[in-house]
């Protein structure tokens, strides 16, 4: 039995009736972010079907790129507003809130994913973090943000244009987008960055994450809208 704050006990009980839950601690720059998550992925699959790429619940995994991006956010001087897109378990957004960014909006689309996000915001006592449902195809009003972050969010060419529009819609003047992906995703990430070149100034860096017996190469991409593009769109 995991001890959770009173206000999210009904949410925890709802999830624990459906899934076996565990707490996974993440150690980031001297702080511990506690993640309540399903301990058995098979419980998320329909009718005990085998795990395939089509039905794998991607939001339930703590991705190495998310850990690297969370560590990066912990190193930045806090800003007023941060938006995490495609958050999954919200590692990046939770870390940003824990390290003093003033308001962090953590978003995803899957309802159960949103339940876990709300649970973990309360479990980590992060009063400066809020959870919102966000459909990339029809993005609602959330205001403007100094930083937008996303880990493993560039996974299909059919979402490229949606992402570009999200960045233009939500970035405050002078705002920055930081994306993190495993280098193995370059087959999809490279075309995304190539097409974004017309609208965004870019910088790319590579970091290594050593976990157990493996080393992961993680690419962090920084995108800043080109000023002429913002001016054109704002006057349209």
C-alpha atoms as a PDB file:
ATOM      1  CA  UNK A   1       0.000   0.000   0.000  1.00  0.00           C
ATOM      2  CA  UNK A   2       1.418   3.352  -1.093  1.00  0.00           C
ATOM      3  CA  UNK A   3       0.668   6.297   1.177  1.00  0.00           C
ATOM      4  CA  UNK A   4      -0.704   9.149  -0.943  1.00  0.00           C
ATOM      5  CA  UNK A   5      -2.134  12.574  -0.029  1.00  0.00           C
ATOM      6  CA  UNK A   6      -5.766  12.578   1.067  1.00  0.00           C
ATOM      7  CA  UNK A   7      -7.032  14.526  -1.952  1.00  0.00           C
ATOM      8  CA  UNK A   8      -5.872  11.865  -4.431  1.00  0.00           C
ATOM      9  CA  UNK A   9      -6.780   8.751  -2.432  1.00  0.00           C
ATOM     10  CA  UNK A  10      -9.908   8.122  -4.559  1.00  0.00           C
ATOM     11  CA  UNK A  11      -7.769   8.380  -7.707  1.00  0.00           C
ATOM     12  CA  UNK A  12      -5.136   6.057  -6.260  1.00  0.00           C
ATOM     13  CA  UNK A  13      -7.787   3.528  -5.198  1.00  0.00           C
ATOM     14  CA  UNK A  14      -9.367   3.622  -8.659  1.00  0.00           C
ATOM     15  CA  UNK A  15      -6.020   2.902 -10.332  1.00  0.00           C
ATOM     16  CA  UNK A  16      -4.939   0.296  -7.775  1.00  0.00           C
ATOM     17  CA  UNK A  17      -8.150  -1.676  -8.372  1.00  0.00           C
ATOM     18  CA  UNK A  18      -7.133  -2.039 -12.016  1.00  0.00           C
ATOM     19  CA  UNK A  19      -3.335  -2.253 -11.820  1.00  0.00           C
ATOM     20  CA  UNK A  20      -0.532  -3.442  -9.605  1.00  0.00           C
ATOM     21  CA  UNK A  21       1.270  -0.233  -8.657  1.00  0.00           C
ATOM     22  CA  UNK A  22       4.849   0.488  -7.663  1.00  0.00           C
ATOM     23  CA  UNK A  23       6.937   3.538  -6.816  1.00  0.00           C
ATOM     24  CA  UNK A  24      10.077   4.109  -8.872  1.00  0.00           C
ATOM     25  CA  UNK A  25      12.418   6.767  -7.443  1.00  0.00           C
ATOM     26  CA  UNK A  26      14.423   8.905  -9.859  1.00  0.00           C
ATOM     27  CA  UNK A  27      17.539  10.580  -8.463  1.00  0.00           C
ATOM     28  CA  UNK A  28      18.159  13.858 -10.273  1.00  0.00           C
ATOM     29  CA  UNK A  29      20.793  16.347  -9.097  1.00  0.00           C
ATOM     30  CA  UNK A  30      20.283  15.699  -5.399  1.00  0.00           C
ATOM     31  CA  UNK A  31      16.488  15.446  -5.480  1.00  0.00           C
ATOM     32  CA  UNK A  32      14.301  12.354  -5.650  1.00  0.00           C
ATOM     33  CA  UNK A  33      11.252  12.343  -7.935  1.00  0.00           C
ATOM     34  CA  UNK A  34       8.888   9.526  -6.933  1.00  0.00           C
ATOM     35  CA  UNK A  35       6.930   7.969  -9.789  1.00  0.00           C
ATOM     36  CA  UNK A  36       3.862   5.829  -9.085  1.00  0.00           C
ATOM     37  CA  UNK A  37       3.372   3.585 -12.119  1.00  0.00           C
ATOM     38  CA  UNK A  38       1.950   0.208 -13.158  1.00  0.00           C
ATOM     39  CA  UNK A  39       4.413  -2.534 -12.296  1.00  0.00           C
ATOM     40  CA  UNK A  40       3.080  -4.990 -14.880  1.00  0.00           C
ATOM     41  CA  UNK A  41       2.736  -3.771 -18.462  1.00  0.00           C
ATOM     42  CA  UNK A  42       0.685  -6.836 -19.392  1.00  0.00           C
ATOM     43  CA  UNK A  43      -2.140  -5.462 -17.227  1.00  0.00           C
ATOM     44  CA  UNK A  44      -2.475  -2.561 -19.674  1.00  0.00           C
ATOM     45  CA  UNK A  45      -2.907  -4.797 -22.708  1.00  0.00           C
ATOM     46  CA  UNK A  46      -6.403  -5.831 -23.842  1.00  0.00           C
ATOM     47  CA  UNK A  47      -7.364  -9.394 -22.929  1.00  0.00           C
ATOM     48  CA  UNK A  48      -3.814 -10.469 -22.169  1.00  0.00           C
ATOM     49  CA  UNK A  49      -2.755  -9.970 -25.795  1.00  0.00           C
ATOM     50  CA  UNK A  50       0.964 -10.203 -26.532  1.00  0.00           C
ATOM     51  CA  UNK A  51       3.029  -7.030 -26.471  1.00  0.00           C
ATOM     52  CA  UNK A  52       3.490  -5.598 -29.968  1.00  0.00           C
ATOM     53  CA  UNK A  53       4.590  -2.179 -31.228  1.00  0.00           C
ATOM     54  CA  UNK A  54       0.956  -1.451 -32.158  1.00  0.00           C
ATOM     55  CA  UNK A  55      -0.554  -2.010 -28.727  1.00  0.00           C
ATOM     56  CA  UNK A  56       2.362  -1.151 -26.443  1.00  0.00           C
ATOM     57  CA  UNK A  57       1.295   1.553 -23.940  1.00  0.00           C
ATOM     58  CA  UNK A  58       4.222   3.911 -24.574  1.00  0.00           C
ATOM     59  CA  UNK A  59       3.211   6.310 -21.802  1.00  0.00           C
ATOM     60  CA  UNK A  60       3.923   3.732 -19.083  1.00  0.00           C
ATOM     61  CA  UNK A  61       7.673   3.496 -19.733  1.00  0.00           C
ATOM     62  CA  UNK A  62      10.262   5.816 -18.198  1.00  0.00           C
ATOM     63  CA  UNK A  63      12.206   6.680 -21.346  1.00  0.00           C
ATOM     64  CA  UNK A  64      15.922   7.336 -21.164  1.00  0.00           C
ATOM     65  CA  UNK A  65      15.447  10.529 -23.201  1.00  0.00           C
ATOM     66  CA  UNK A  66      13.012  11.795 -20.553  1.00  0.00           C
ATOM     67  CA  UNK A  67      15.591  11.233 -17.802  1.00  0.00           C
ATOM     68  CA  UNK A  68      18.246  13.148 -19.753  1.00  0.00           C
ATOM     69  CA  UNK A  69      15.839  16.007 -20.533  1.00  0.00           C
ATOM     70  CA  UNK A  70      14.701  16.120 -16.894  1.00  0.00           C
ATOM     71  CA  UNK A  71      18.311  16.430 -15.787  1.00  0.00           C
ATOM     72  CA  UNK A  72      18.805  19.223 -18.324  1.00  0.00           C
ATOM     73  CA  UNK A  73      15.739  21.116 -17.037  1.00  0.00           C
ATOM     74  CA  UNK A  74      17.069  20.771 -13.493  1.00  0.00           C
ATOM     75  CA  UNK A  75      20.229  22.561 -14.615  1.00  0.00           C
ATOM     76  CA  UNK A  76      18.445  25.609 -16.056  1.00  0.00           C
ATOM     77  CA  UNK A  77      17.667  28.859 -14.297  1.00  0.00           C
ATOM     78  CA  UNK A  78      13.932  28.678 -13.433  1.00  0.00           C
ATOM     79  CA  UNK A  79      11.530  30.444 -15.791  1.00  0.00           C
ATOM     80  CA  UNK A  80       7.935  31.612 -15.334  1.00  0.00           C
ATOM     81  CA  UNK A  81       6.050  28.972 -17.379  1.00  0.00           C
ATOM     82  CA  UNK A  82       7.006  25.536 -18.761  1.00  0.00           C
ATOM     83  CA  UNK A  83       4.859  23.249 -20.944  1.00  0.00           C
ATOM     84  CA  UNK A  84       5.539  19.530 -21.292  1.00  0.00           C
ATOM     85  CA  UNK A  85       3.897  17.859 -24.296  1.00  0.00           C
ATOM     86  CA  UNK A  86       3.407  14.109 -24.737  1.00  0.00           C
ATOM     87  CA  UNK A  87       4.383  13.777 -21.108  1.00  0.00           C
ATOM     88  CA  UNK A  88       3.691  10.091 -20.474  1.00  0.00           C
ATOM     89  CA  UNK A  89       4.597   9.693 -16.818  1.00  0.00           C
ATOM     90  CA  UNK A  90       5.677  13.342 -16.710  1.00  0.00           C
ATOM     91  CA  UNK A  91       9.297  12.885 -15.709  1.00  0.00           C
ATOM     92  CA  UNK A  92      10.437  16.131 -17.334  1.00  0.00           C
ATOM     93  CA  UNK A  93       7.585  18.288 -16.072  1.00  0.00           C
ATOM     94  CA  UNK A  94       7.694  16.897 -12.535  1.00  0.00           C
ATOM     95  CA  UNK A  95      11.428  17.564 -12.394  1.00  0.00           C
ATOM     96  CA  UNK A  96      11.027  21.084 -13.752  1.00  0.00           C
ATOM     97  CA  UNK A  97       8.470  21.824 -11.038  1.00  0.00           C
ATOM     98  CA  UNK A  98      10.671  20.282  -8.337  1.00  0.00           C
ATOM     99  CA  UNK A  99      13.578  22.471  -9.424  1.00  0.00           C
ATOM    100  CA  UNK A 100      11.709  25.730  -9.118  1.00  0.00           C
ATOM    101  CA  UNK A 101      10.242  26.605 -12.501  1.00  0.00           C
ATOM    102  CA  UNK A 102       7.334  28.742 -11.385  1.00  0.00           C
ATOM    103  CA  UNK A 103       4.404  27.115 -13.232  1.00  0.00           C
ATOM    104  CA  UNK A 104       4.642  23.809 -15.091  1.00  0.00           C
ATOM    105  CA  UNK A 105       1.768  22.526 -17.241  1.00  0.00           C
ATOM    106  CA  UNK A 106       2.107  18.791 -17.918  1.00  0.00           C
ATOM    107  CA  UNK A 107       0.035  17.465 -20.826  1.00  0.00           C
ATOM    108  CA  UNK A 108      -0.921  14.275 -22.578  1.00  0.00           C
ATOM    109  CA  UNK A 109      -3.999  12.839 -24.265  1.00  0.00           C
ATOM    110  CA  UNK A 110      -4.634   9.364 -22.778  1.00  0.00           C
ATOM    111  CA  UNK A 111      -7.091   9.485 -19.862  1.00  0.00           C
ATOM    112  CA  UNK A 112      -5.314   6.913 -17.691  1.00  0.00           C
ATOM    113  CA  UNK A 113      -1.993   8.601 -18.372  1.00  0.00           C
ATOM    114  CA  UNK A 114      -3.564  11.861 -17.115  1.00  0.00           C
ATOM    115  CA  UNK A 115      -4.757  10.057 -13.968  1.00  0.00           C
ATOM    116  CA  UNK A 116      -1.197   8.917 -13.215  1.00  0.00           C
ATOM    117  CA  UNK A 117       0.114  12.419 -13.881  1.00  0.00           C
ATOM    118  CA  UNK A 118      -2.375  13.953 -11.419  1.00  0.00           C
ATOM    119  CA  UNK A 119      -1.503  11.287  -8.871  1.00  0.00           C
ATOM    120  CA  UNK A 120       2.237  11.919  -9.190  1.00  0.00           C
ATOM    121  CA  UNK A 121       1.922  15.703  -9.018  1.00  0.00           C
ATOM    122  CA  UNK A 122       0.153  15.299  -5.669  1.00  0.00           C
ATOM    123  CA  UNK A 123       2.435  12.485  -4.491  1.00  0.00           C
ATOM    124  CA  UNK A 124       5.490  14.704  -5.034  1.00  0.00           C
ATOM    125  CA  UNK A 125       3.707  17.709  -3.439  1.00  0.00           C
ATOM    126  CA  UNK A 126       4.293  19.932  -6.451  1.00  0.00           C
ATOM    127  CA  UNK A 127       1.865  22.801  -6.052  1.00  0.00           C
ATOM    128  CA  UNK A 128       3.408  24.625  -9.020  1.00  0.00           C
ATOM    129  CA  UNK A 129       2.486  21.828 -11.475  1.00  0.00           C
ATOM    130  CA  UNK A 130      -0.884  21.288 -13.168  1.00  0.00           C
ATOM    131  CA  UNK A 131      -2.091  18.558 -15.516  1.00  0.00           C
ATOM    132  CA  UNK A 132      -4.063  19.284 -18.699  1.00  0.00           C
ATOM    133  CA  UNK A 133      -5.419  17.109 -21.491  1.00  0.00           C
ATOM    134  CA  UNK A 134      -4.006  18.255 -24.827  1.00  0.00           C
ATOM    135  CA  UNK A 135      -4.998  17.134 -28.304  1.00  0.00           C
ATOM    136  CA  UNK A 136      -2.221  18.171 -30.699  1.00  0.00           C
ATOM    137  CA  UNK A 137      -4.713  18.266 -33.579  1.00  0.00           C
ATOM    138  CA  UNK A 138      -7.026  20.729 -31.800  1.00  0.00           C
ATOM    139  CA  UNK A 139      -4.909  22.471 -29.158  1.00  0.00           C
ATOM    140  CA  UNK A 140      -6.865  24.432 -26.565  1.00  0.00           C
ATOM    141  CA  UNK A 141      -5.907  27.747 -25.034  1.00  0.00           C
ATOM    142  CA  UNK A 142      -3.223  27.347 -22.390  1.00  0.00           C
ATOM    143  CA  UNK A 143      -1.488  30.711 -22.684  1.00  0.00           C
ATOM    144  CA  UNK A 144       2.152  31.287 -23.584  1.00  0.00           C
ATOM    145  CA  UNK A 145       5.246  29.513 -22.253  1.00  0.00           C
ATOM    146  CA  UNK A 146       8.910  30.392 -21.892  1.00  0.00           C
ATOM    147  CA  UNK A 147       9.959  26.766 -22.483  1.00  0.00           C
ATOM    148  CA  UNK A 148       8.256  23.835 -24.198  1.00  0.00           C
ATOM    149  CA  UNK A 149       9.734  20.376 -23.570  1.00  0.00           C
ATOM    150  CA  UNK A 150       9.061  16.931 -24.973  1.00  0.00           C
ATOM    151  CA  UNK A 151      10.821  13.560 -24.791  1.00  0.00           C
ATOM    152  CA  UNK A 152      10.327  11.036 -27.609  1.00  0.00           C
ATOM    153  CA  UNK A 153       7.494  13.113 -29.102  1.00  0.00           C
ATOM    154  CA  UNK A 154       8.732  13.059 -32.715  1.00  0.00           C
ATOM    155  CA  UNK A 155       7.710   9.538 -33.686  1.00  0.00           C
ATOM    156  CA  UNK A 156       5.626   9.882 -36.851  1.00  0.00           C
ATOM    157  CA  UNK A 157       5.699  12.153 -39.881  1.00  0.00           C
ATOM    158  CA  UNK A 158       1.939  12.665 -39.718  1.00  0.00           C
ATOM    159  CA  UNK A 159       2.391  14.724 -36.536  1.00  0.00           C
ATOM    160  CA  UNK A 160       5.168  17.032 -37.771  1.00  0.00           C
ATOM    161  CA  UNK A 161       2.847  19.879 -38.790  1.00  0.00           C
ATOM    162  CA  UNK A 162       0.851  19.572 -35.554  1.00  0.00           C
ATOM    163  CA  UNK A 163       4.039  19.984 -33.537  1.00  0.00           C
ATOM    164  CA  UNK A 164       5.193  23.026 -35.499  1.00  0.00           C
ATOM    165  CA  UNK A 165       1.788  24.648 -34.906  1.00  0.00           C
ATOM    166  CA  UNK A 166       1.912  23.809 -31.205  1.00  0.00           C
ATOM    167  CA  UNK A 167       5.275  25.522 -30.862  1.00  0.00           C
ATOM    168  CA  UNK A 168       4.054  28.675 -32.609  1.00  0.00           C
ATOM    169  CA  UNK A 169       0.810  28.710 -30.634  1.00  0.00           C
ATOM    170  CA  UNK A 170       2.305  28.271 -27.176  1.00  0.00           C
ATOM    171  CA  UNK A 171       5.771  29.833 -27.255  1.00  0.00           C
ATOM    172  CA  UNK A 172       6.103  33.254 -25.668  1.00  0.00           C
ATOM    173  CA  UNK A 173       8.329  35.801 -27.453  1.00  0.00           C
ATOM    174  CA  UNK A 174      11.891  34.673 -26.874  1.00  0.00           C
ATOM    175  CA  UNK A 175      10.675  31.190 -25.929  1.00  0.00           C
ATOM    176  CA  UNK A 176      12.603  27.967 -26.538  1.00  0.00           C
ATOM    177  CA  UNK A 177      11.680  24.365 -27.373  1.00  0.00           C
ATOM    178  CA  UNK A 178      13.814  21.526 -26.024  1.00  0.00           C
ATOM    179  CA  UNK A 179      13.249  18.012 -27.384  1.00  0.00           C
ATOM    180  CA  UNK A 180      15.076  14.825 -26.409  1.00  0.00           C
ATOM    181  CA  UNK A 181      15.203  11.570 -28.354  1.00  0.00           C
ATOM    182  CA  UNK A 182      17.251   8.416 -28.400  1.00  0.00           C
ATOM    183  CA  UNK A 183      19.706   8.616 -31.291  1.00  0.00           C
ATOM    184  CA  UNK A 184      18.045   5.503 -32.714  1.00  0.00           C
ATOM    185  CA  UNK A 185      15.049   7.718 -33.552  1.00  0.00           C
ATOM    186  CA  UNK A 186      17.109   9.823 -36.009  1.00  0.00           C
ATOM    187  CA  UNK A 187      15.351   8.256 -38.984  1.00  0.00           C
ATOM    188  CA  UNK A 188      12.230  10.182 -37.923  1.00  0.00           C
ATOM    189  CA  UNK A 189      13.863  13.061 -36.045  1.00  0.00           C
ATOM    190  CA  UNK A 190      16.204  14.120 -38.889  1.00  0.00           C
ATOM    191  CA  UNK A 191      13.359  14.816 -41.386  1.00  0.00           C
ATOM    192  CA  UNK A 192      11.460  16.690 -38.664  1.00  0.00           C
ATOM    193  CA  UNK A 193      14.430  18.952 -37.953  1.00  0.00           C
ATOM    194  CA  UNK A 194      15.156  19.406 -41.661  1.00  0.00           C
ATOM    195  CA  UNK A 195      11.604  20.605 -42.343  1.00  0.00           C
ATOM    196  CA  UNK A 196      11.659  22.799 -39.231  1.00  0.00           C
ATOM    197  CA  UNK A 197      14.779  24.609 -40.438  1.00  0.00           C
ATOM    198  CA  UNK A 198      12.733  27.195 -42.372  1.00  0.00           C
ATOM    199  CA  UNK A 199      10.883  28.302 -39.258  1.00  0.00           C
ATOM    200  CA  UNK A 200      13.212  27.523 -36.361  1.00  0.00           C
ATOM    201  CA  UNK A 201      16.811  28.234 -35.545  1.00  0.00           C
ATOM    202  CA  UNK A 202      18.287  24.974 -34.261  1.00  0.00           C
ATOM    203  CA  UNK A 203      21.081  23.593 -32.157  1.00  0.00           C
ATOM    204  CA  UNK A 204      21.672  19.924 -31.378  1.00  0.00           C
ATOM    205  CA  UNK A 205      23.763  18.321 -28.644  1.00  0.00           C
ATOM    206  CA  UNK A 206      24.319  14.707 -27.677  1.00  0.00           C
ATOM    207  CA  UNK A 207      24.487  13.241 -24.181  1.00  0.00           C
ATOM    208  CA  UNK A 208      25.133   9.771 -22.869  1.00  0.00           C
ATOM    209  CA  UNK A 209      23.075   8.009 -20.220  1.00  0.00           C
ATOM    210  CA  UNK A 210      24.549   4.938 -18.584  1.00  0.00           C
ATOM    211  CA  UNK A 211      21.960   2.599 -17.108  1.00  0.00           C
ATOM    212  CA  UNK A 212      22.748  -0.911 -15.876  1.00  0.00           C
ATOM    213  CA  UNK A 213      24.919  -2.489 -18.590  1.00  0.00           C
ATOM    214  CA  UNK A 214      23.779  -0.197 -21.411  1.00  0.00           C
ATOM    215  CA  UNK A 215      24.758   3.241 -22.663  1.00  0.00           C
ATOM    216  CA  UNK A 216      22.153   5.360 -24.426  1.00  0.00           C
ATOM    217  CA  UNK A 217      22.987   8.198 -26.817  1.00  0.00           C
ATOM    218  CA  UNK A 218      20.384  10.925 -26.355  1.00  0.00           C
ATOM    219  CA  UNK A 219      19.993  13.871 -28.736  1.00  0.00           C
ATOM    220  CA  UNK A 220      18.730  17.176 -27.291  1.00  0.00           C
ATOM    221  CA  UNK A 221      17.403  19.572 -29.922  1.00  0.00           C
ATOM    222  CA  UNK A 222      16.871  23.264 -29.223  1.00  0.00           C
ATOM    223  CA  UNK A 223      14.427  25.131 -31.480  1.00  0.00           C
ATOM    224  CA  UNK A 224      13.849  28.889 -31.451  1.00  0.00           C
ATOM    225  CA  UNK A 225      11.326  30.458 -33.866  1.00  0.00           C
ATOM    226  CA  UNK A 226      12.960  32.709 -36.417  1.00  0.00           C
ATOM    227  CA  UNK A 227      11.904  36.279 -35.672  1.00  0.00           C
ATOM    228  CA  UNK A 228      10.611  36.998 -39.162  1.00  0.00           C
ATOM    229  CA  UNK A 229       8.330  33.975 -38.949  1.00  0.00           C
ATOM    230  CA  UNK A 230       6.777  35.143 -35.679  1.00  0.00           C
ATOM    231  CA  UNK A 231       6.294  38.657 -37.025  1.00  0.00           C
ATOM    232  CA  UNK A 232       4.649  37.359 -40.174  1.00  0.00           C
ATOM    233  CA  UNK A 233       2.281  35.078 -38.283  1.00  0.00           C
ATOM    234  CA  UNK A 234       1.393  37.743 -35.700  1.00  0.00           C
ATOM    235  CA  UNK A 235       0.475  40.251 -38.410  1.00  0.00           C
ATOM    236  CA  UNK A 236      -1.540  37.747 -40.452  1.00  0.00           C
END
